[in-house]
Amino acid sequence: MFDWLLSLGLQEYHPKLLECGYDSLAAILSLNADQLSSMLGEIEMTKTGHRARLTNAVVDERPPPEAPAAAAPQHTGHGSPVF
């Protein structure tokens, strides 16, 4: 997690994150939007630019949501499948 924060220029928050129980990048990435906002307050990240940088980095690090499975065509028994 420290290296990730360092790459963002936010390494100064590492001790406070650890103090508040956020000991891994996975712990941060698992937070929903409300929890992430709460965590930023908990670690006393008050600078708008820092908050935006961390929030954007969290979004970028998360895997993309899975696309819904395409529906299989239905066969009517008469020629072409119906979509």
PDB file of N, CA and C in Angstrom:
ATOM      1  N   MET A   1       0.821  -1.177   0.000  1.00  0.00           N
ATOM      2  CA  MET A   1       0.000   0.000   0.000  1.00  0.00           C
ATOM      3  C   MET A   1       0.876   1.255   0.000  1.00  0.00           C
ATOM      4  N   PHE A   2       1.989   1.231   0.719  1.00  0.00           N
ATOM      5  CA  PHE A   2       2.853   2.406   0.765  1.00  0.00           C
ATOM      6  C   PHE A   2       3.326   2.794  -0.629  1.00  0.00           C
ATOM      7  N   ASP A   3       3.739   1.802  -1.430  1.00  0.00           N
ATOM      8  CA  ASP A   3       4.240   2.098  -2.775  1.00  0.00           C
ATOM      9  C   ASP A   3       3.143   2.730  -3.637  1.00  0.00           C
ATOM     10  N   TRP A   4       1.908   2.262  -3.478  1.00  0.00           N
ATOM     11  CA  TRP A   4       0.784   2.815  -4.222  1.00  0.00           C
ATOM     12  C   TRP A   4       0.567   4.271  -3.809  1.00  0.00           C
ATOM     13  N   LEU A   5       0.553   4.530  -2.509  1.00  0.00           N
ATOM     14  CA  LEU A   5       0.402   5.904  -2.022  1.00  0.00           C
ATOM     15  C   LEU A   5       1.558   6.779  -2.509  1.00  0.00           C
ATOM     16  N   LEU A   6       2.766   6.240  -2.490  1.00  0.00           N
ATOM     17  CA  LEU A   6       3.936   6.971  -2.961  1.00  0.00           C
ATOM     18  C   LEU A   6       3.783   7.338  -4.436  1.00  0.00           C
ATOM     19  N   SER A   7       3.277   6.408  -5.223  1.00  0.00           N
ATOM     20  CA  SER A   7       3.090   6.683  -6.651  1.00  0.00           C
ATOM     21  C   SER A   7       2.066   7.788  -6.886  1.00  0.00           C
ATOM     22  N   LEU A   8       1.179   7.993  -5.912  1.00  0.00           N
ATOM     23  CA  LEU A   8       0.170   9.053  -6.003  1.00  0.00           C
ATOM     24  C   LEU A   8       0.634  10.347  -5.345  1.00  0.00           C
ATOM     25  N   GLY A   9       1.784  10.298  -4.688  1.00  0.00           N
ATOM     26  CA  GLY A   9       2.263  11.458  -3.945  1.00  0.00           C
ATOM     27  C   GLY A   9       1.483  11.672  -2.655  1.00  0.00           C
ATOM     28  N   LEU A  10       0.904  10.604  -2.125  1.00  0.00           N
ATOM     29  CA  LEU A  10       0.071  10.689  -0.916  1.00  0.00           C
ATOM     30  C   LEU A  10       0.624   9.838   0.224  1.00  0.00           C
ATOM     31  N   GLN A  11       1.908   9.578   0.207  1.00  0.00           N
ATOM     32  CA  GLN A  11       2.527   8.712   1.213  1.00  0.00           C
ATOM     33  C   GLN A  11       2.404   9.260   2.630  1.00  0.00           C
ATOM     34  N   GLU A  12       2.170  10.564   2.763  1.00  0.00           N
ATOM     35  CA  GLU A  12       2.042  11.154   4.102  1.00  0.00           C
ATOM     36  C   GLU A  12       0.847  10.595   4.871  1.00  0.00           C
ATOM     37  N   TYR A  13      -0.105   9.983   4.152  1.00  0.00           N
ATOM     38  CA  TYR A  13      -1.293   9.435   4.805  1.00  0.00           C
ATOM     39  C   TYR A  13      -1.119   7.979   5.251  1.00  0.00           C
ATOM     40  N   HIS A  14      -0.008   7.370   4.894  1.00  0.00           N
ATOM     41  CA  HIS A  14       0.223   5.965   5.235  1.00  0.00           C
ATOM     42  C   HIS A  14       0.133   5.695   6.738  1.00  0.00           C
ATOM     43  N   PRO A  15       0.816   6.457   7.586  1.00  0.00           N
ATOM     44  CA  PRO A  15       0.721   6.177   9.027  1.00  0.00           C
ATOM     45  C   PRO A  15      -0.718   6.286   9.553  1.00  0.00           C
ATOM     46  N   LYS A  16      -1.453   7.268   9.096  1.00  0.00           N
ATOM     47  CA  LYS A  16      -2.827   7.451   9.571  1.00  0.00           C
ATOM     48  C   LYS A  16      -3.730   6.323   9.071  1.00  0.00           C
ATOM     49  N   LEU A  17      -3.514   5.868   7.848  1.00  0.00           N
ATOM     50  CA  LEU A  17      -4.276   4.729   7.338  1.00  0.00           C
ATOM     51  C   LEU A  17      -4.039   3.496   8.206  1.00  0.00           C
ATOM     52  N   LEU A  18      -2.776   3.241   8.522  1.00  0.00           N
ATOM     53  CA  LEU A  18      -2.450   2.093   9.374  1.00  0.00           C
ATOM     54  C   LEU A  18      -3.081   2.243  10.755  1.00  0.00           C
ATOM     55  N   GLU A  19      -2.995   3.435  11.296  1.00  0.00           N
ATOM     56  CA  GLU A  19      -3.554   3.712  12.623  1.00  0.00           C
ATOM     57  C   GLU A  19      -5.060   3.461  12.653  1.00  0.00           C
ATOM     58  N   CYS A  20      -5.720   3.740  11.548  1.00  0.00           N
ATOM     59  CA  CYS A  20      -7.175   3.580  11.471  1.00  0.00           C
ATOM     60  C   CYS A  20      -7.587   2.180  11.006  1.00  0.00           C
ATOM     61  N   GLY A  21      -6.612   1.287  10.822  1.00  0.00           N
ATOM     62  CA  GLY A  21      -6.916  -0.109  10.504  1.00  0.00           C
ATOM     63  C   GLY A  21      -6.941  -0.457   9.028  1.00  0.00           C
ATOM     64  N   TYR A  22      -6.543   0.455   8.177  1.00  0.00           N
ATOM     65  CA  TYR A  22      -6.485   0.177   6.737  1.00  0.00           C
ATOM     66  C   TYR A  22      -5.060  -0.244   6.414  1.00  0.00           C
ATOM     67  N   ASP A  23      -4.821  -1.551   6.479  1.00  0.00           N
ATOM     68  CA  ASP A  23      -3.449  -2.052   6.389  1.00  0.00           C
ATOM     69  C   ASP A  23      -3.084  -2.649   5.035  1.00  0.00           C
ATOM     70  N   SER A  24      -3.991  -2.553   4.059  1.00  0.00           N
ATOM     71  CA  SER A  24      -3.668  -3.090   2.740  1.00  0.00           C
ATOM     72  C   SER A  24      -4.441  -2.334   1.672  1.00  0.00           C
ATOM     73  N   LEU A  25      -3.946  -2.399   0.470  1.00  0.00           N
ATOM     74  CA  LEU A  25      -4.633  -1.786  -0.652  1.00  0.00           C
ATOM     75  C   LEU A  25      -5.975  -2.470  -0.862  1.00  0.00           C
ATOM     76  N   ALA A  26      -6.023  -3.777  -0.673  1.00  0.00           N
ATOM     77  CA  ALA A  26      -7.278  -4.515  -0.840  1.00  0.00           C
ATOM     78  C   ALA A  26      -8.358  -3.991   0.110  1.00  0.00           C
ATOM     79  N   ALA A  27      -7.966  -3.614   1.321  1.00  0.00           N
ATOM     80  CA  ALA A  27      -8.935  -3.076   2.282  1.00  0.00           C
ATOM     81  C   ALA A  27      -9.525  -1.771   1.768  1.00  0.00           C
ATOM     82  N   ILE A  28      -8.717  -0.940   1.138  1.00  0.00           N
ATOM     83  CA  ILE A  28      -9.198   0.335   0.605  1.00  0.00           C
ATOM     84  C   ILE A  28     -10.057   0.112  -0.635  1.00  0.00           C
ATOM     85  N   LEU A  29      -9.625  -0.794  -1.499  1.00  0.00           N
ATOM     86  CA  LEU A  29     -10.362  -1.048  -2.729  1.00  0.00           C
ATOM     87  C   LEU A  29     -11.717  -1.690  -2.475  1.00  0.00           C
ATOM     88  N   SER A  30     -11.881  -2.317  -1.325  1.00  0.00           N
ATOM     89  CA  SER A  30     -13.152  -2.990  -1.020  1.00  0.00           C
ATOM     90  C   SER A  30     -14.219  -2.026  -0.507  1.00  0.00           C
ATOM     91  N   LEU A  31     -13.857  -0.777  -0.246  1.00  0.00           N
ATOM     92  CA  LEU A  31     -14.807   0.187   0.303  1.00  0.00           C
ATOM     93  C   LEU A  31     -15.768   0.692  -0.773  1.00  0.00           C
ATOM     94  N   ASN A  32     -17.052   0.840  -0.392  1.00  0.00           N
ATOM     95  CA  ASN A  32     -17.987   1.464  -1.322  1.00  0.00           C
ATOM     96  C   ASN A  32     -17.802   2.981  -1.237  1.00  0.00           C
ATOM     97  N   ALA A  33     -18.545   3.733  -2.020  1.00  0.00           N
ATOM     98  CA  ALA A  33     -18.358   5.186  -2.101  1.00  0.00           C
ATOM     99  C   ALA A  33     -18.554   5.870  -0.749  1.00  0.00           C
ATOM    100  N   ASP A  34     -19.591   5.477  -0.004  1.00  0.00           N
ATOM    101  CA  ASP A  34     -19.839   6.083   1.303  1.00  0.00           C
ATOM    102  C   ASP A  34     -18.732   5.746   2.298  1.00  0.00           C
ATOM    103  N   GLN A  35     -18.285   4.491   2.280  1.00  0.00           N
ATOM    104  CA  GLN A  35     -17.219   4.067   3.185  1.00  0.00           C
ATOM    105  C   GLN A  35     -15.913   4.772   2.845  1.00  0.00           C
ATOM    106  N   LEU A  36     -15.648   4.941   1.552  1.00  0.00           N
ATOM    107  CA  LEU A  36     -14.424   5.629   1.127  1.00  0.00           C
ATOM    108  C   LEU A  36     -14.448   7.083   1.593  1.00  0.00           C
ATOM    109  N   SER A  37     -15.567   7.731   1.444  1.00  0.00           N
ATOM    110  CA  SER A  37     -15.697   9.116   1.896  1.00  0.00           C
ATOM    111  C   SER A  37     -15.485   9.212   3.401  1.00  0.00           C
ATOM    112  N   SER A  38     -16.059   8.274   4.132  1.00  0.00           N
ATOM    113  CA  SER A  38     -15.902   8.232   5.588  1.00  0.00           C
ATOM    114  C   SER A  38     -14.438   7.996   5.966  1.00  0.00           C
ATOM    115  N   MET A  39     -13.777   7.096   5.236  1.00  0.00           N
ATOM    116  CA  MET A  39     -12.367   6.793   5.501  1.00  0.00           C
ATOM    117  C   MET A  39     -11.494   8.021   5.281  1.00  0.00           C
ATOM    118  N   LEU A  40     -11.792   8.804   4.238  1.00  0.00           N
ATOM    119  CA  LEU A  40     -11.006  10.007   3.968  1.00  0.00           C
ATOM    120  C   LEU A  40     -11.112  10.997   5.119  1.00  0.00           C
ATOM    121  N   GLY A  41     -12.293  11.101   5.704  1.00  0.00           N
ATOM    122  CA  GLY A  41     -12.463  11.953   6.870  1.00  0.00           C
ATOM    123  C   GLY A  41     -11.744  11.396   8.075  1.00  0.00           C
ATOM    124  N   GLU A  42     -11.822  10.084   8.234  1.00  0.00           N
ATOM    125  CA  GLU A  42     -11.192   9.412   9.377  1.00  0.00           C
ATOM    126  C   GLU A  42      -9.675   9.603   9.384  1.00  0.00           C
ATOM    127  N   ILE A  43      -9.072   9.623   8.198  1.00  0.00           N
ATOM    128  CA  ILE A  43      -7.614   9.795   8.138  1.00  0.00           C
ATOM    129  C   ILE A  43      -7.228  11.268   8.006  1.00  0.00           C
ATOM    130  N   GLU A  44      -8.232  12.132   8.116  1.00  0.00           N
ATOM    131  CA  GLU A  44      -8.021  13.583   8.105  1.00  0.00           C
ATOM    132  C   GLU A  44      -7.426  14.088   6.796  1.00  0.00           C
ATOM    133  N   MET A  45      -7.898  13.508   5.690  1.00  0.00           N
ATOM    134  CA  MET A  45      -7.495  13.975   4.373  1.00  0.00           C
ATOM    135  C   MET A  45      -8.484  15.077   3.992  1.00  0.00           C
ATOM    136  N   THR A  46      -8.076  16.321   4.193  1.00  0.00           N
ATOM    137  CA  THR A  46      -8.990  17.445   3.990  1.00  0.00           C
ATOM    138  C   THR A  46      -8.759  18.202   2.688  1.00  0.00           C
ATOM    139  N   LYS A  47      -7.605  18.040   2.086  1.00  0.00           N
ATOM    140  CA  LYS A  47      -7.308  18.757   0.840  1.00  0.00           C
ATOM    141  C   LYS A  47      -8.105  18.137  -0.304  1.00  0.00           C
ATOM    142  N   THR A  48      -8.875  18.979  -0.983  1.00  0.00           N
ATOM    143  CA  THR A  48      -9.751  18.512  -2.057  1.00  0.00           C
ATOM    144  C   THR A  48      -8.978  17.759  -3.136  1.00  0.00           C
ATOM    145  N   GLY A  49      -7.832  18.268  -3.521  1.00  0.00           N
ATOM    146  CA  GLY A  49      -7.021  17.609  -4.545  1.00  0.00           C
ATOM    147  C   GLY A  49      -6.550  16.234  -4.123  1.00  0.00           C
ATOM    148  N   HIS A  50      -6.169  16.094  -2.864  1.00  0.00           N
ATOM    149  CA  HIS A  50      -5.723  14.799  -2.347  1.00  0.00           C
ATOM    150  C   HIS A  50      -6.884  13.810  -2.332  1.00  0.00           C
ATOM    151  N   ARG A  51      -8.046  14.285  -1.870  1.00  0.00           N
ATOM    152  CA  ARG A  51      -9.235  13.415  -1.826  1.00  0.00           C
ATOM    153  C   ARG A  51      -9.597  12.934  -3.235  1.00  0.00           C
ATOM    154  N   ALA A  52      -9.566  13.852  -4.202  1.00  0.00           N
ATOM    155  CA  ALA A  52      -9.895  13.493  -5.585  1.00  0.00           C
ATOM    156  C   ALA A  52      -8.866  12.521  -6.150  1.00  0.00           C
ATOM    157  N   ARG A  53      -7.589  12.762  -5.886  1.00  0.00           N
ATOM    158  CA  ARG A  53      -6.527  11.896  -6.400  1.00  0.00           C
ATOM    159  C   ARG A  53      -6.675  10.476  -5.864  1.00  0.00           C
ATOM    160  N   LEU A  54      -6.940  10.353  -4.567  1.00  0.00           N
ATOM    161  CA  LEU A  54      -7.088   9.022  -3.975  1.00  0.00           C
ATOM    162  C   LEU A  54      -8.356   8.350  -4.476  1.00  0.00           C
ATOM    163  N   THR A  55      -9.453   9.084  -4.531  1.00  0.00           N
ATOM    164  CA  THR A  55     -10.718   8.509  -4.997  1.00  0.00           C
ATOM    165  C   THR A  55     -10.592   8.029  -6.443  1.00  0.00           C
ATOM    166  N   ASN A  56     -10.000   8.846  -7.302  1.00  0.00           N
ATOM    167  CA  ASN A  56      -9.813   8.450  -8.705  1.00  0.00           C
ATOM    168  C   ASN A  56      -8.902   7.246  -8.827  1.00  0.00           C
ATOM    169  N   ALA A  57      -7.871   7.187  -8.008  1.00  0.00           N
ATOM    170  CA  ALA A  57      -6.945   6.050  -8.047  1.00  0.00           C
ATOM    171  C   ALA A  57      -7.639   4.775  -7.600  1.00  0.00           C
ATOM    172  N   VAL A  58      -8.512   4.872  -6.605  1.00  0.00           N
ATOM    173  CA  VAL A  58      -9.273   3.689  -6.153  1.00  0.00           C
ATOM    174  C   VAL A  58     -10.140   3.184  -7.300  1.00  0.00           C
ATOM    175  N   VAL A  59     -10.839   4.082  -7.964  1.00  0.00           N
ATOM    176  CA  VAL A  59     -11.691   3.692  -9.094  1.00  0.00           C
ATOM    177  C   VAL A  59     -10.849   3.037 -10.191  1.00  0.00           C
ATOM    178  N   ASP A  60      -9.688   3.607 -10.481  1.00  0.00           N
ATOM    179  CA  ASP A  60      -8.816   3.067 -11.527  1.00  0.00           C
ATOM    180  C   ASP A  60      -8.257   1.698 -11.174  1.00  0.00           C
ATOM    181  N   GLU A  61      -8.039   1.435  -9.892  1.00  0.00           N
ATOM    182  CA  GLU A  61      -7.449   0.163  -9.452  1.00  0.00           C
ATOM    183  C   GLU A  61      -8.457  -0.975  -9.424  1.00  0.00           C
ATOM    184  N   ARG A  62      -9.725  -0.643  -9.280  1.00  0.00           N
ATOM    185  CA  ARG A  62     -10.752  -1.684  -9.196  1.00  0.00           C
ATOM    186  C   ARG A  62     -10.917  -2.359 -10.541  1.00  0.00           C
ATOM    187  N   PRO A  63     -11.184  -3.679 -10.515  1.00  0.00           N
ATOM    188  CA  PRO A  63     -11.448  -4.360 -11.784  1.00  0.00           C
ATOM    189  C   PRO A  63     -12.773  -3.847 -12.359  1.00  0.00           C
ATOM    190  N   PRO A  64     -12.898  -3.842 -13.680  1.00  0.00           N
ATOM    191  CA  PRO A  64     -14.157  -3.371 -14.265  1.00  0.00           C
ATOM    192  C   PRO A  64     -15.298  -4.305 -13.869  1.00  0.00           C
ATOM    193  N   PRO A  65     -16.503  -3.764 -13.738  1.00  0.00           N
ATOM    194  CA  PRO A  65     -17.629  -4.630 -13.397  1.00  0.00           C
ATOM    195  C   PRO A  65     -17.861  -5.632 -14.523  1.00  0.00           C
ATOM    196  N   GLU A  66     -18.332  -6.788 -14.143  1.00  0.00           N
ATOM    197  CA  GLU A  66     -18.585  -7.815 -15.151  1.00  0.00           C
ATOM    198  C   GLU A  66     -19.789  -7.417 -15.983  1.00  0.00           C
ATOM    199  N   ALA A  67     -19.664  -7.624 -17.286  1.00  0.00           N
ATOM    200  CA  ALA A  67     -20.781  -7.336 -18.177  1.00  0.00           C
ATOM    201  C   ALA A  67     -21.845  -8.402 -17.980  1.00  0.00           C
ATOM    202  N   PRO A  68     -23.112  -8.022 -18.061  1.00  0.00           N
ATOM    203  CA  PRO A  68     -24.159  -9.032 -17.924  1.00  0.00           C
ATOM    204  C   PRO A  68     -24.058 -10.040 -19.058  1.00  0.00           C
ATOM    205  N   ALA A  69     -24.375 -11.259 -18.739  1.00  0.00           N
ATOM    206  CA  ALA A  69     -24.308 -12.315 -19.745  1.00  0.00           C
ATOM    207  C   ALA A  69     -25.355 -12.044 -20.820  1.00  0.00           C
ATOM    208  N   ALA A  70     -24.963 -12.247 -22.057  1.00  0.00           N
ATOM    209  CA  ALA A  70     -25.894 -12.048 -23.166  1.00  0.00           C
ATOM    210  C   ALA A  70     -26.951 -13.148 -23.133  1.00  0.00           C
ATOM    211  N   ALA A  71     -28.161 -12.756 -23.387  1.00  0.00           N
ATOM    212  CA  ALA A  71     -29.251 -13.738 -23.397  1.00  0.00           C
ATOM    213  C   ALA A  71     -29.101 -14.628 -24.618  1.00  0.00           C
ATOM    214  N   ALA A  72     -29.326 -15.892 -24.406  1.00  0.00           N
ATOM    215  CA  ALA A  72     -29.266 -16.851 -25.511  1.00  0.00           C
ATOM    216  C   ALA A  72     -30.520 -16.689 -26.364  1.00  0.00           C
ATOM    217  N   PRO A  73     -30.381 -16.809 -27.670  1.00  0.00           N
ATOM    218  CA  PRO A  73     -31.564 -16.683 -28.516  1.00  0.00           C
ATOM    219  C   PRO A  73     -32.562 -17.797 -28.212  1.00  0.00           C
ATOM    220  N   GLN A  74     -33.826 -17.464 -28.302  1.00  0.00           N
ATOM    221  CA  GLN A  74     -34.883 -18.454 -28.066  1.00  0.00           C
ATOM    222  C   GLN A  74     -35.298 -19.028 -29.411  1.00  0.00           C
ATOM    223  N   HIS A  75     -35.466 -20.327 -29.439  1.00  0.00           N
ATOM    224  CA  HIS A  75     -35.904 -20.986 -30.671  1.00  0.00           C
ATOM    225  C   HIS A  75     -37.398 -21.233 -30.582  1.00  0.00           C
ATOM    226  N   THR A  76     -38.090 -20.855 -31.637  1.00  0.00           N
ATOM    227  CA  THR A  76     -39.538 -21.058 -31.662  1.00  0.00           C
ATOM    228  C   THR A  76     -39.882 -22.407 -32.267  1.00  0.00           C
ATOM    229  N   GLY A  77     -38.900 -23.037 -32.842  1.00  0.00           N
ATOM    230  CA  GLY A  77     -39.159 -24.310 -33.483  1.00  0.00           C
ATOM    231  C   GLY A  77     -39.525 -24.127 -34.951  1.00  0.00           C
ATOM    232  N   HIS A  78     -39.622 -22.900 -35.407  1.00  0.00           N
ATOM    233  CA  HIS A  78     -40.002 -22.616 -36.806  1.00  0.00           C
ATOM    234  C   HIS A  78     -38.968 -21.709 -37.441  1.00  0.00           C
ATOM    235  N   GLY A  79     -37.923 -22.223 -37.930  1.00  0.00           N
ATOM    236  CA  GLY A  79     -36.964 -21.421 -38.664  1.00  0.00           C
ATOM    237  C   GLY A  79     -35.969 -20.679 -37.805  1.00  0.00           C
ATOM    238  N   SER A  80     -35.945 -19.349 -37.926  1.00  0.00           N
ATOM    239  CA  SER A  80     -34.936 -18.527 -37.292  1.00  0.00           C
ATOM    240  C   SER A  80     -35.195 -18.348 -35.802  1.00  0.00           C
ATOM    241  N   PRO A  81     -34.113 -18.212 -35.037  1.00  0.00           N
ATOM    242  CA  PRO A  81     -34.295 -17.941 -33.595  1.00  0.00           C
ATOM    243  C   PRO A  81     -34.847 -16.527 -33.390  1.00  0.00           C
ATOM    244  N   VAL A  82     -35.574 -16.357 -32.315  1.00  0.00           N
ATOM    245  CA  VAL A  82     -36.140 -15.065 -31.962  1.00  0.00           C
ATOM    246  C   VAL A  82     -35.237 -14.398 -30.944  1.00  0.00           C
ATOM    247  N   PHE A  83     -34.876 -13.116 -31.147  1.00  0.00           N
ATOM    248  CA  PHE A  83     -34.005 -12.392 -30.214  1.00  0.00           C
ATOM    249  C   PHE A  83     -34.794 -11.470 -29.370  1.00  0.00           C
TER     250      PHE A  83
END
